[in-house]
Amino acid sequence: MAKATEKGLIVQKVGMTRVIDQNGSMVPVTLLKVAPQKITKILSVERDGYHGFQVGYFEKSEKNLTKSDVHRLRKEKIEENFARFREFRTPGAVALELGAEMTVQLFEGVTSIDITGITKGRGFQGAVKRWGTTIGRMTHGSRFHRRPGSLGQNSSPSRVYKNKHQPGQMGVDKCTVQNLQVVRIDNEDNLIAIKGSVPGYSSNYLEIRPTIK
């Protein structure tokens, strides 16, 4: 269950660059552009069991939306055809209004954030790259270089335990990187510069919240 925070935004990963900080040092940063989004629902304890708000983003043609989504958006006087929605829980009642546009100004004064996104796909990988298991001897004749090793016992329990590190699909996992430093906020271009790297590929959609640490 996601932690309750007072703020939340959907952003798109632009790419990495570098900026010069106040001390004259070169800092690698990731640029995040706040996607066009509006509040499409206010959540309350009485009706939903918790406080929060829902934002709509990623516009499509109206014919590609479900009738229920179109009816709900028009009922709240929202003309945009948002096809994706994301909820953010809050510790108390939400002070925002339905249909309000969300911009980077919401994060003014925030110094560090948590980012949630989908990691890049790495394809089918072995146990060494996927899990970091120890490799065998690389000498001639070892016949055990990058194999995962023994998978279980012989007669008892005669099965492979769950969660055993084996080769398989790597990446495309939902992960959260915590406590990333906010280097710069650009209100004019709706951009946030974050120190270091973030999950996902360029143009990928990410969730950002003030850090819980």
N, C-alpha and C. Protein backbone atom coordinates (compact mmCIF):
# COMPACT_ATOMS: atom_id res chain seq x y z
N MET A 1 0.85 -1.20 0.00
CA MET A 1 0.00 0.00 0.00
C MET A 1 0.89 1.24 0.00
N ALA A 2 0.55 2.20 -0.86
CA ALA A 2 1.35 3.41 -0.99
C ALA A 2 1.23 4.27 0.26
N LYS A 3 2.32 4.93 0.61
CA LYS A 3 2.32 5.83 1.75
C LYS A 3 1.53 7.09 1.42
N ALA A 4 0.85 7.65 2.41
CA ALA A 4 0.06 8.85 2.22
C ALA A 4 0.97 10.08 2.20
N THR A 5 0.86 10.89 1.17
CA THR A 5 1.61 12.13 1.07
C THR A 5 0.65 13.25 0.72
N GLU A 6 1.12 14.49 0.89
CA GLU A 6 0.24 15.63 0.64
C GLU A 6 0.23 16.02 -0.83
N LYS A 7 1.24 15.59 -1.60
CA LYS A 7 1.35 16.01 -2.99
C LYS A 7 1.70 14.82 -3.87
N GLY A 8 1.45 14.98 -5.17
CA GLY A 8 1.81 13.94 -6.12
C GLY A 8 1.60 14.44 -7.54
N LEU A 9 2.47 14.02 -8.45
CA LEU A 9 2.38 14.43 -9.84
C LEU A 9 2.78 13.28 -10.76
N ILE A 10 2.29 13.32 -11.98
CA ILE A 10 2.73 12.43 -13.04
C ILE A 10 3.68 13.21 -13.94
N VAL A 11 4.87 12.66 -14.16
CA VAL A 11 5.88 13.34 -14.96
C VAL A 11 6.37 12.40 -16.06
N GLN A 12 7.00 12.99 -17.08
CA GLN A 12 7.62 12.23 -18.15
C GLN A 12 9.13 12.42 -18.10
N LYS A 13 9.85 11.33 -18.24
CA LYS A 13 11.30 11.39 -18.24
C LYS A 13 11.79 11.94 -19.57
N VAL A 14 12.51 13.07 -19.52
CA VAL A 14 13.04 13.70 -20.74
C VAL A 14 14.39 13.12 -21.11
N GLY A 15 15.26 12.98 -20.13
CA GLY A 15 16.61 12.47 -20.36
C GLY A 15 17.56 13.05 -19.32
N MET A 16 18.84 12.73 -19.48
CA MET A 16 19.85 13.18 -18.53
C MET A 16 20.72 14.28 -19.13
N THR A 17 21.18 15.17 -18.25
CA THR A 17 22.09 16.23 -18.63
C THR A 17 22.92 16.58 -17.39
N ARG A 18 23.53 17.73 -17.38
CA ARG A 18 24.30 18.14 -16.21
C ARG A 18 24.15 19.64 -16.01
N VAL A 19 24.21 20.04 -14.75
CA VAL A 19 24.09 21.45 -14.40
C VAL A 19 25.20 21.78 -13.40
N ILE A 20 25.45 23.06 -13.24
CA ILE A 20 26.46 23.53 -12.29
C ILE A 20 25.75 24.04 -11.04
N ASP A 21 26.13 23.50 -9.89
CA ASP A 21 25.48 23.90 -8.65
C ASP A 21 26.11 25.17 -8.08
N GLN A 22 25.67 25.57 -6.89
CA GLN A 22 26.15 26.81 -6.28
C GLN A 22 27.63 26.77 -5.93
N ASN A 23 28.17 25.57 -5.75
CA ASN A 23 29.59 25.44 -5.41
C ASN A 23 30.49 25.34 -6.64
N GLY A 24 29.87 25.41 -7.83
CA GLY A 24 30.65 25.31 -9.06
C GLY A 24 30.93 23.90 -9.50
N SER A 25 30.32 22.90 -8.86
CA SER A 25 30.52 21.51 -9.23
C SER A 25 29.53 21.08 -10.31
N MET A 26 29.95 20.17 -11.18
CA MET A 26 29.09 19.64 -12.21
C MET A 26 28.25 18.50 -11.64
N VAL A 27 26.93 18.61 -11.74
CA VAL A 27 26.02 17.64 -11.15
C VAL A 27 25.22 16.95 -12.25
N PRO A 28 25.26 15.61 -12.33
CA PRO A 28 24.42 14.90 -13.31
C PRO A 28 22.97 14.89 -12.85
N VAL A 29 22.06 15.27 -13.73
CA VAL A 29 20.65 15.37 -13.37
C VAL A 29 19.78 14.70 -14.44
N THR A 30 18.61 14.30 -14.01
CA THR A 30 17.57 13.81 -14.92
C THR A 30 16.47 14.85 -14.99
N LEU A 31 16.07 15.21 -16.22
CA LEU A 31 15.00 16.19 -16.40
C LEU A 31 13.66 15.48 -16.48
N LEU A 32 12.71 15.95 -15.69
CA LEU A 32 11.36 15.41 -15.65
C LEU A 32 10.38 16.50 -16.02
N LYS A 33 9.57 16.26 -17.04
CA LYS A 33 8.58 17.24 -17.48
C LYS A 33 7.21 16.84 -16.96
N VAL A 34 6.54 17.77 -16.30
CA VAL A 34 5.22 17.48 -15.75
C VAL A 34 4.22 17.33 -16.89
N ALA A 35 3.60 16.17 -16.97
CA ALA A 35 2.64 15.90 -18.04
C ALA A 35 1.36 16.71 -17.83
N PRO A 36 0.67 17.09 -18.92
CA PRO A 36 -0.62 17.78 -18.77
C PRO A 36 -1.60 16.89 -18.02
N GLN A 37 -2.11 17.39 -16.90
CA GLN A 37 -2.96 16.57 -16.05
C GLN A 37 -3.90 17.45 -15.24
N LYS A 38 -5.02 16.88 -14.86
CA LYS A 38 -6.00 17.57 -14.03
C LYS A 38 -6.55 16.61 -12.99
N ILE A 39 -7.09 17.18 -11.92
CA ILE A 39 -7.72 16.37 -10.88
C ILE A 39 -9.10 15.93 -11.37
N THR A 40 -9.30 14.61 -11.43
CA THR A 40 -10.55 14.07 -11.95
C THR A 40 -11.44 13.47 -10.86
N LYS A 41 -10.90 13.35 -9.64
CA LYS A 41 -11.71 12.77 -8.57
C LYS A 41 -11.11 13.13 -7.23
N ILE A 42 -11.96 13.43 -6.24
CA ILE A 42 -11.54 13.66 -4.87
C ILE A 42 -12.01 12.48 -4.03
N LEU A 43 -11.08 11.84 -3.32
CA LEU A 43 -11.40 10.66 -2.52
C LEU A 43 -11.59 11.06 -1.06
N SER A 44 -12.55 10.45 -0.40
CA SER A 44 -12.85 10.76 1.00
C SER A 44 -13.00 9.47 1.80
N VAL A 45 -12.85 9.60 3.12
CA VAL A 45 -12.96 8.43 3.99
C VAL A 45 -14.39 7.90 3.98
N GLU A 46 -15.37 8.78 3.95
CA GLU A 46 -16.77 8.35 4.01
C GLU A 46 -17.15 7.49 2.81
N ARG A 47 -16.68 7.84 1.63
CA ARG A 47 -17.08 7.13 0.42
C ARG A 47 -16.07 6.07 -0.03
N ASP A 48 -14.76 6.40 0.08
CA ASP A 48 -13.73 5.51 -0.47
C ASP A 48 -12.90 4.81 0.59
N GLY A 49 -12.99 5.23 1.85
CA GLY A 49 -12.23 4.58 2.90
C GLY A 49 -10.90 5.24 3.21
N TYR A 50 -10.50 6.24 2.42
CA TYR A 50 -9.24 6.96 2.65
C TYR A 50 -9.30 8.29 1.90
N HIS A 51 -8.44 9.22 2.33
CA HIS A 51 -8.35 10.51 1.67
C HIS A 51 -7.37 10.43 0.51
N GLY A 52 -7.61 11.22 -0.51
CA GLY A 52 -6.70 11.27 -1.64
C GLY A 52 -7.33 11.99 -2.82
N PHE A 53 -6.60 11.96 -3.93
CA PHE A 53 -7.11 12.56 -5.16
C PHE A 53 -6.63 11.74 -6.35
N GLN A 54 -7.37 11.84 -7.43
CA GLN A 54 -7.04 11.12 -8.66
C GLN A 54 -6.74 12.13 -9.77
N VAL A 55 -5.67 11.88 -10.52
CA VAL A 55 -5.33 12.75 -11.64
C VAL A 55 -5.49 11.98 -12.94
N GLY A 56 -5.92 12.68 -13.97
CA GLY A 56 -6.03 12.11 -15.31
C GLY A 56 -4.96 12.70 -16.21
N TYR A 57 -4.38 11.85 -17.05
CA TYR A 57 -3.32 12.28 -17.96
C TYR A 57 -3.34 11.41 -19.21
N PHE A 58 -2.48 11.70 -20.18
CA PHE A 58 -2.35 10.95 -21.43
C PHE A 58 -3.67 10.98 -22.21
N GLU A 59 -3.83 12.04 -23.01
CA GLU A 59 -5.06 12.23 -23.78
C GLU A 59 -5.11 11.31 -24.99
N LYS A 60 -6.34 10.87 -25.33
CA LYS A 60 -6.62 10.10 -26.53
C LYS A 60 -7.88 10.63 -27.19
N SER A 61 -8.21 10.07 -28.34
CA SER A 61 -9.46 10.43 -28.99
C SER A 61 -10.63 9.91 -28.15
N GLU A 62 -11.73 10.65 -28.16
CA GLU A 62 -12.87 10.27 -27.33
C GLU A 62 -13.41 8.89 -27.69
N LYS A 63 -13.27 8.48 -28.96
CA LYS A 63 -13.79 7.17 -29.37
C LYS A 63 -12.98 6.02 -28.76
N ASN A 64 -11.78 6.32 -28.27
CA ASN A 64 -10.94 5.28 -27.67
C ASN A 64 -11.13 5.17 -26.16
N LEU A 65 -11.99 6.00 -25.59
CA LEU A 65 -12.25 5.97 -24.17
C LEU A 65 -13.51 5.17 -23.88
N THR A 66 -13.62 4.65 -22.66
CA THR A 66 -14.85 3.97 -22.27
C THR A 66 -15.95 5.00 -22.02
N LYS A 67 -17.19 4.58 -22.17
CA LYS A 67 -18.31 5.49 -21.97
C LYS A 67 -18.37 6.00 -20.54
N SER A 68 -18.01 5.14 -19.59
CA SER A 68 -18.06 5.56 -18.19
C SER A 68 -17.04 6.66 -17.91
N ASP A 69 -15.82 6.54 -18.50
CA ASP A 69 -14.81 7.58 -18.30
C ASP A 69 -15.23 8.89 -18.95
N VAL A 70 -15.78 8.83 -20.16
CA VAL A 70 -16.24 10.04 -20.84
C VAL A 70 -17.35 10.71 -20.04
N HIS A 71 -18.29 9.93 -19.55
CA HIS A 71 -19.39 10.51 -18.77
C HIS A 71 -18.88 11.15 -17.49
N ARG A 72 -17.92 10.48 -16.82
CA ARG A 72 -17.39 11.02 -15.57
C ARG A 72 -16.61 12.31 -15.79
N LEU A 73 -15.83 12.37 -16.87
CA LEU A 73 -15.07 13.58 -17.15
C LEU A 73 -15.98 14.75 -17.50
N ARG A 74 -16.98 14.49 -18.33
CA ARG A 74 -17.89 15.57 -18.73
C ARG A 74 -18.74 16.03 -17.56
N LYS A 75 -19.05 15.13 -16.65
CA LYS A 75 -19.84 15.49 -15.48
C LYS A 75 -19.09 16.48 -14.61
N GLU A 76 -17.76 16.35 -14.55
CA GLU A 76 -16.93 17.28 -13.78
C GLU A 76 -16.46 18.46 -14.62
N LYS A 77 -17.04 18.61 -15.83
CA LYS A 77 -16.73 19.72 -16.74
C LYS A 77 -15.25 19.71 -17.17
N ILE A 78 -14.73 18.52 -17.40
CA ILE A 78 -13.37 18.35 -17.91
C ILE A 78 -13.46 17.98 -19.38
N GLU A 79 -12.94 18.83 -20.26
CA GLU A 79 -13.06 18.64 -21.70
C GLU A 79 -11.98 17.72 -22.26
N GLU A 80 -10.87 17.57 -21.55
CA GLU A 80 -9.79 16.72 -22.05
C GLU A 80 -10.20 15.24 -21.99
N ASN A 81 -9.73 14.47 -22.96
CA ASN A 81 -10.04 13.04 -23.03
C ASN A 81 -8.89 12.24 -22.41
N PHE A 82 -8.83 12.23 -21.08
CA PHE A 82 -7.76 11.51 -20.39
C PHE A 82 -8.04 10.01 -20.45
N ALA A 83 -7.01 9.25 -20.81
CA ALA A 83 -7.16 7.80 -20.93
C ALA A 83 -6.52 7.06 -19.76
N ARG A 84 -5.67 7.73 -18.98
CA ARG A 84 -5.01 7.09 -17.85
C ARG A 84 -5.27 7.90 -16.58
N PHE A 85 -5.38 7.17 -15.47
CA PHE A 85 -5.68 7.80 -14.19
C PHE A 85 -4.80 7.20 -13.10
N ARG A 86 -4.41 8.04 -12.15
CA ARG A 86 -3.56 7.57 -11.06
C ARG A 86 -3.99 8.24 -9.75
N GLU A 87 -4.04 7.47 -8.68
CA GLU A 87 -4.46 8.00 -7.39
C GLU A 87 -3.25 8.30 -6.51
N PHE A 88 -3.39 9.32 -5.68
CA PHE A 88 -2.40 9.68 -4.67
C PHE A 88 -3.13 9.81 -3.34
N ARG A 89 -2.73 9.00 -2.37
CA ARG A 89 -3.35 9.08 -1.05
C ARG A 89 -2.76 10.24 -0.25
N THR A 90 -3.58 10.85 0.58
CA THR A 90 -3.15 11.96 1.42
C THR A 90 -3.50 11.67 2.87
N PRO A 91 -2.74 12.22 3.83
CA PRO A 91 -3.03 11.95 5.25
C PRO A 91 -4.30 12.60 5.74
N GLY A 92 -4.77 13.64 5.06
CA GLY A 92 -5.99 14.33 5.47
C GLY A 92 -6.83 14.72 4.28
N ALA A 93 -7.84 15.52 4.53
CA ALA A 93 -8.73 15.96 3.46
C ALA A 93 -7.95 16.79 2.44
N VAL A 94 -8.32 16.64 1.17
CA VAL A 94 -7.63 17.31 0.07
C VAL A 94 -8.15 18.73 -0.08
N ALA A 95 -7.21 19.68 -0.19
CA ALA A 95 -7.59 21.08 -0.34
C ALA A 95 -7.69 21.49 -1.81
N LEU A 96 -7.51 20.57 -2.74
CA LEU A 96 -7.56 20.86 -4.16
C LEU A 96 -8.99 20.74 -4.68
N GLU A 97 -9.23 21.32 -5.86
CA GLU A 97 -10.57 21.32 -6.44
C GLU A 97 -10.62 20.41 -7.66
N LEU A 98 -11.80 19.88 -7.93
CA LEU A 98 -11.98 19.06 -9.12
C LEU A 98 -11.74 19.89 -10.38
N GLY A 99 -11.03 19.30 -11.34
CA GLY A 99 -10.74 19.99 -12.59
C GLY A 99 -9.55 20.91 -12.52
N ALA A 100 -8.91 21.03 -11.35
CA ALA A 100 -7.75 21.90 -11.22
C ALA A 100 -6.57 21.31 -11.99
N GLU A 101 -5.84 22.18 -12.69
CA GLU A 101 -4.67 21.73 -13.45
C GLU A 101 -3.47 21.63 -12.52
N MET A 102 -2.73 20.53 -12.65
CA MET A 102 -1.58 20.28 -11.80
C MET A 102 -0.31 20.69 -12.54
N THR A 103 0.51 21.52 -11.89
CA THR A 103 1.76 21.98 -12.48
C THR A 103 2.91 21.74 -11.51
N VAL A 104 4.11 22.10 -11.96
CA VAL A 104 5.30 21.89 -11.14
C VAL A 104 5.31 22.79 -9.91
N GLN A 105 4.49 23.83 -9.90
CA GLN A 105 4.43 24.74 -8.74
C GLN A 105 3.97 24.02 -7.48
N LEU A 106 3.32 22.87 -7.63
CA LEU A 106 2.88 22.09 -6.48
C LEU A 106 4.06 21.63 -5.65
N PHE A 107 5.25 21.51 -6.28
CA PHE A 107 6.42 21.00 -5.57
C PHE A 107 7.40 22.11 -5.20
N GLU A 108 6.95 23.35 -5.21
CA GLU A 108 7.79 24.45 -4.76
C GLU A 108 8.15 24.25 -3.28
N GLY A 109 9.44 24.34 -2.96
CA GLY A 109 9.89 24.17 -1.59
C GLY A 109 10.23 22.74 -1.22
N VAL A 110 9.93 21.76 -2.09
CA VAL A 110 10.26 20.36 -1.82
C VAL A 110 11.72 20.12 -2.20
N THR A 111 12.50 19.55 -1.30
CA THR A 111 13.94 19.36 -1.54
C THR A 111 14.30 17.95 -1.96
N SER A 112 13.47 16.97 -1.65
CA SER A 112 13.76 15.59 -2.04
C SER A 112 12.44 14.86 -2.31
N ILE A 113 12.49 13.91 -3.24
CA ILE A 113 11.27 13.22 -3.67
C ILE A 113 11.52 11.73 -3.81
N ASP A 114 10.41 10.98 -3.87
CA ASP A 114 10.43 9.55 -4.20
C ASP A 114 9.83 9.39 -5.60
N ILE A 115 10.44 8.55 -6.42
CA ILE A 115 10.00 8.35 -7.79
C ILE A 115 9.64 6.88 -8.00
N THR A 116 8.46 6.63 -8.57
CA THR A 116 8.00 5.27 -8.86
C THR A 116 7.80 5.13 -10.36
N GLY A 117 8.32 4.04 -10.93
CA GLY A 117 8.19 3.83 -12.37
C GLY A 117 8.49 2.39 -12.74
N ILE A 118 8.41 2.10 -14.04
CA ILE A 118 8.69 0.77 -14.58
C ILE A 118 10.10 0.77 -15.14
N THR A 119 10.91 -0.21 -14.71
CA THR A 119 12.29 -0.28 -15.15
C THR A 119 12.38 -0.72 -16.61
N LYS A 120 13.52 -0.49 -17.22
CA LYS A 120 13.77 -0.91 -18.59
C LYS A 120 13.78 -2.43 -18.70
N GLY A 121 13.29 -2.95 -19.83
CA GLY A 121 13.34 -4.38 -20.07
C GLY A 121 14.73 -4.80 -20.52
N ARG A 122 15.25 -5.88 -19.93
CA ARG A 122 16.58 -6.40 -20.27
C ARG A 122 16.52 -7.73 -21.00
N GLY A 123 15.33 -8.24 -21.26
CA GLY A 123 15.21 -9.51 -21.95
C GLY A 123 15.49 -10.70 -21.05
N PHE A 124 15.74 -11.86 -21.67
CA PHE A 124 16.03 -13.08 -20.93
C PHE A 124 17.50 -13.08 -20.55
N GLN A 125 17.78 -13.13 -19.24
CA GLN A 125 19.15 -13.06 -18.76
C GLN A 125 19.45 -14.24 -17.84
N GLY A 126 20.74 -14.54 -17.70
CA GLY A 126 21.17 -15.61 -16.82
C GLY A 126 21.15 -15.19 -15.36
N ALA A 127 21.43 -16.15 -14.48
CA ALA A 127 21.37 -15.90 -13.04
C ALA A 127 22.44 -14.93 -12.59
N VAL A 128 23.59 -14.91 -13.28
CA VAL A 128 24.68 -14.03 -12.85
C VAL A 128 24.29 -12.56 -13.05
N LYS A 129 23.78 -12.23 -14.21
CA LYS A 129 23.40 -10.83 -14.47
C LYS A 129 22.09 -10.47 -13.77
N ARG A 130 21.17 -11.41 -13.72
CA ARG A 130 19.85 -11.12 -13.17
C ARG A 130 19.87 -10.99 -11.66
N TRP A 131 20.64 -11.83 -10.97
CA TRP A 131 20.63 -11.86 -9.51
C TRP A 131 21.98 -11.57 -8.88
N GLY A 132 23.05 -11.53 -9.69
CA GLY A 132 24.37 -11.27 -9.14
C GLY A 132 24.96 -12.47 -8.44
N THR A 133 24.62 -13.69 -8.86
CA THR A 133 25.18 -14.88 -8.24
C THR A 133 26.67 -15.01 -8.55
N THR A 134 27.37 -15.75 -7.71
CA THR A 134 28.81 -15.93 -7.88
C THR A 134 29.10 -16.83 -9.07
N ILE A 135 30.09 -16.48 -9.87
CA ILE A 135 30.46 -17.31 -11.02
C ILE A 135 31.43 -18.40 -10.58
N GLY A 136 31.51 -19.43 -11.40
CA GLY A 136 32.45 -20.51 -11.12
C GLY A 136 33.84 -20.17 -11.64
N ARG A 137 34.73 -21.14 -11.54
CA ARG A 137 36.09 -20.94 -12.03
C ARG A 137 36.08 -20.75 -13.54
N MET A 138 36.85 -19.81 -14.02
CA MET A 138 36.93 -19.54 -15.46
C MET A 138 38.11 -20.28 -16.11
N THR A 139 38.69 -21.25 -15.41
CA THR A 139 39.84 -21.98 -15.94
C THR A 139 39.39 -23.01 -16.96
N HIS A 140 40.35 -23.50 -17.72
CA HIS A 140 40.06 -24.51 -18.75
C HIS A 140 39.61 -25.82 -18.10
N GLY A 141 38.48 -26.34 -18.58
CA GLY A 141 37.99 -27.62 -18.09
C GLY A 141 37.08 -27.55 -16.89
N SER A 142 36.75 -26.35 -16.39
CA SER A 142 35.91 -26.28 -15.18
C SER A 142 34.49 -26.72 -15.47
N ARG A 143 33.98 -26.42 -16.67
CA ARG A 143 32.61 -26.76 -17.09
C ARG A 143 31.56 -26.12 -16.17
N PHE A 144 31.98 -25.09 -15.43
CA PHE A 144 31.04 -24.41 -14.52
C PHE A 144 31.43 -22.95 -14.46
N HIS A 145 31.06 -22.19 -15.48
CA HIS A 145 31.48 -20.80 -15.55
C HIS A 145 30.40 -19.85 -15.00
N ARG A 146 29.28 -19.76 -15.71
CA ARG A 146 28.22 -18.82 -15.30
C ARG A 146 26.90 -19.55 -15.06
N ARG A 147 26.97 -20.77 -14.62
CA ARG A 147 25.76 -21.53 -14.32
C ARG A 147 25.23 -21.16 -12.93
N PRO A 148 23.91 -21.34 -12.69
CA PRO A 148 23.34 -20.91 -11.40
C PRO A 148 23.70 -21.81 -10.23
N GLY A 149 24.26 -23.01 -10.48
CA GLY A 149 24.61 -23.89 -9.37
C GLY A 149 23.50 -24.86 -9.04
N SER A 150 23.64 -25.55 -7.92
CA SER A 150 22.66 -26.55 -7.51
C SER A 150 21.32 -25.88 -7.20
N LEU A 151 20.24 -26.51 -7.67
CA LEU A 151 18.90 -25.94 -7.48
C LEU A 151 18.16 -26.56 -6.30
N GLY A 152 18.65 -27.67 -5.76
CA GLY A 152 17.94 -28.28 -4.65
C GLY A 152 18.60 -29.57 -4.21
N GLN A 153 17.87 -30.32 -3.37
CA GLN A 153 18.39 -31.56 -2.83
C GLN A 153 18.05 -32.73 -3.75
N ASN A 154 18.60 -33.89 -3.42
CA ASN A 154 18.42 -35.06 -4.27
C ASN A 154 17.10 -35.77 -3.99
N SER A 155 16.93 -36.33 -2.77
CA SER A 155 15.74 -37.12 -2.48
C SER A 155 14.72 -36.41 -1.60
N SER A 156 15.19 -35.47 -0.79
CA SER A 156 14.26 -34.77 0.10
C SER A 156 14.63 -33.29 0.12
N PRO A 157 13.73 -32.36 -0.21
CA PRO A 157 12.30 -32.56 -0.49
C PRO A 157 11.99 -32.87 -1.95
N SER A 158 13.00 -33.13 -2.77
CA SER A 158 12.79 -33.53 -4.18
C SER A 158 12.04 -32.47 -4.97
N ARG A 159 12.34 -31.24 -4.71
CA ARG A 159 11.73 -30.14 -5.48
C ARG A 159 12.63 -28.92 -5.36
N VAL A 160 12.37 -27.94 -6.21
CA VAL A 160 13.10 -26.67 -6.17
C VAL A 160 12.30 -25.69 -5.33
N TYR A 161 12.96 -25.06 -4.36
CA TYR A 161 12.28 -24.10 -3.50
C TYR A 161 11.82 -22.88 -4.30
N LYS A 162 10.76 -22.26 -3.84
CA LYS A 162 10.28 -21.04 -4.46
C LYS A 162 11.31 -19.92 -4.30
N ASN A 163 11.30 -18.99 -5.27
CA ASN A 163 12.19 -17.82 -5.26
C ASN A 163 13.66 -18.19 -5.43
N LYS A 164 13.95 -19.39 -5.91
CA LYS A 164 15.32 -19.76 -6.20
C LYS A 164 15.82 -18.92 -7.37
N HIS A 165 17.03 -18.37 -7.25
CA HIS A 165 17.58 -17.51 -8.29
C HIS A 165 17.92 -18.32 -9.54
N GLN A 166 17.14 -18.07 -10.59
CA GLN A 166 17.32 -18.79 -11.84
C GLN A 166 17.27 -17.81 -13.01
N PRO A 167 17.70 -18.25 -14.20
CA PRO A 167 17.58 -17.38 -15.38
C PRO A 167 16.12 -17.07 -15.67
N GLY A 168 15.89 -15.93 -16.33
CA GLY A 168 14.53 -15.56 -16.69
C GLY A 168 14.46 -14.13 -17.18
N GLN A 169 13.22 -13.63 -17.35
CA GLN A 169 12.99 -12.26 -17.82
C GLN A 169 13.50 -11.26 -16.78
N MET A 170 14.28 -10.29 -17.24
CA MET A 170 14.83 -9.27 -16.36
C MET A 170 14.28 -7.90 -16.74
N GLY A 171 13.94 -7.10 -15.75
CA GLY A 171 13.43 -5.75 -15.99
C GLY A 171 11.91 -5.73 -16.09
N VAL A 172 11.37 -4.59 -16.52
CA VAL A 172 9.93 -4.34 -16.63
C VAL A 172 9.27 -4.60 -15.28
N ASP A 173 9.89 -4.11 -14.21
CA ASP A 173 9.36 -4.23 -12.86
C ASP A 173 9.04 -2.85 -12.31
N LYS A 174 7.99 -2.76 -11.50
CA LYS A 174 7.66 -1.51 -10.84
C LYS A 174 8.57 -1.32 -9.63
N CYS A 175 9.28 -0.21 -9.58
CA CYS A 175 10.18 0.03 -8.47
C CYS A 175 10.10 1.50 -8.05
N THR A 176 10.53 1.76 -6.82
CA THR A 176 10.54 3.10 -6.26
C THR A 176 11.94 3.45 -5.79
N VAL A 177 12.44 4.59 -6.24
CA VAL A 177 13.73 5.12 -5.79
C VAL A 177 13.43 6.26 -4.82
N GLN A 178 13.97 6.15 -3.61
CA GLN A 178 13.62 7.09 -2.55
C GLN A 178 14.69 8.15 -2.34
N ASN A 179 14.22 9.27 -1.82
CA ASN A 179 15.10 10.34 -1.32
C ASN A 179 16.05 10.88 -2.39
N LEU A 180 15.51 11.22 -3.55
CA LEU A 180 16.30 11.84 -4.62
C LEU A 180 16.26 13.36 -4.46
N GLN A 181 17.39 13.98 -4.62
CA GLN A 181 17.51 15.42 -4.38
C GLN A 181 16.97 16.23 -5.55
N VAL A 182 16.16 17.23 -5.24
CA VAL A 182 15.66 18.16 -6.26
C VAL A 182 16.71 19.26 -6.45
N VAL A 183 17.29 19.33 -7.64
CA VAL A 183 18.34 20.30 -7.92
C VAL A 183 17.76 21.63 -8.38
N ARG A 184 16.75 21.56 -9.25
CA ARG A 184 16.20 22.80 -9.81
C ARG A 184 14.76 22.58 -10.25
N ILE A 185 13.93 23.62 -10.13
CA ILE A 185 12.54 23.59 -10.60
C ILE A 185 12.34 24.75 -11.57
N ASP A 186 11.86 24.44 -12.77
CA ASP A 186 11.63 25.45 -13.81
C ASP A 186 10.13 25.60 -14.00
N ASN A 187 9.56 26.69 -13.44
CA ASN A 187 8.12 26.91 -13.55
C ASN A 187 7.70 27.27 -14.97
N GLU A 188 8.58 27.92 -15.72
CA GLU A 188 8.22 28.36 -17.07
C GLU A 188 8.03 27.17 -18.01
N ASP A 189 8.94 26.20 -17.95
CA ASP A 189 8.86 25.03 -18.84
C ASP A 189 8.27 23.80 -18.16
N ASN A 190 7.84 23.94 -16.90
CA ASN A 190 7.23 22.83 -16.16
C ASN A 190 8.19 21.65 -16.02
N LEU A 191 9.44 21.94 -15.65
CA LEU A 191 10.47 20.92 -15.55
C LEU A 191 11.01 20.82 -14.13
N ILE A 192 11.44 19.60 -13.76
CA ILE A 192 12.12 19.35 -12.50
C ILE A 192 13.43 18.65 -12.80
N ALA A 193 14.54 19.14 -12.24
CA ALA A 193 15.84 18.51 -12.40
C ALA A 193 16.16 17.73 -11.13
N ILE A 194 16.36 16.41 -11.28
CA ILE A 194 16.62 15.51 -10.16
C ILE A 194 18.06 15.02 -10.24
N LYS A 195 18.77 15.02 -9.12
CA LYS A 195 20.14 14.54 -9.09
C LYS A 195 20.18 13.03 -9.29
N GLY A 196 20.98 12.58 -10.27
CA GLY A 196 21.13 11.15 -10.52
C GLY A 196 20.14 10.63 -11.55
N SER A 197 20.02 9.31 -11.60
CA SER A 197 19.18 8.65 -12.59
C SER A 197 17.87 8.18 -11.96
N VAL A 198 16.88 7.90 -12.81
CA VAL A 198 15.57 7.44 -12.36
C VAL A 198 15.18 6.23 -13.21
N PRO A 199 14.21 5.42 -12.77
CA PRO A 199 13.83 4.23 -13.53
C PRO A 199 13.20 4.56 -14.87
N GLY A 200 13.30 3.62 -15.82
CA GLY A 200 12.57 3.73 -17.08
C GLY A 200 13.35 4.37 -18.20
N TYR A 201 12.73 4.33 -19.37
CA TYR A 201 13.31 4.88 -20.58
C TYR A 201 12.82 6.32 -20.80
N SER A 202 13.39 7.01 -21.75
CA SER A 202 12.96 8.38 -22.05
C SER A 202 11.51 8.39 -22.52
N SER A 203 10.77 9.40 -22.12
CA SER A 203 9.34 9.60 -22.39
C SER A 203 8.46 8.69 -21.54
N ASN A 204 9.07 7.89 -20.64
CA ASN A 204 8.30 7.04 -19.74
C ASN A 204 7.59 7.87 -18.68
N TYR A 205 6.38 7.46 -18.30
CA TYR A 205 5.61 8.16 -17.27
C TYR A 205 6.02 7.66 -15.89
N LEU A 206 6.21 8.60 -14.95
CA LEU A 206 6.64 8.29 -13.60
C LEU A 206 5.75 9.01 -12.59
N GLU A 207 5.71 8.48 -11.37
CA GLU A 207 5.01 9.15 -10.27
C GLU A 207 6.05 9.77 -9.35
N ILE A 208 5.82 10.99 -8.92
CA ILE A 208 6.71 11.62 -7.95
C ILE A 208 5.91 12.08 -6.74
N ARG A 209 6.51 11.91 -5.57
CA ARG A 209 5.90 12.32 -4.30
C ARG A 209 7.00 12.90 -3.41
N PRO A 210 6.67 13.79 -2.47
CA PRO A 210 7.67 14.18 -1.48
C PRO A 210 8.15 12.96 -0.72
N THR A 211 9.45 12.91 -0.44
CA THR A 211 10.01 11.72 0.18
C THR A 211 9.40 11.44 1.56
N ILE A 212 9.30 10.16 1.90
CA ILE A 212 8.74 9.78 3.19
C ILE A 212 9.85 9.64 4.24
N LYS A 213 11.12 9.78 3.84
CA LYS A 213 12.23 9.63 4.77
C LYS A 213 12.59 10.98 5.38
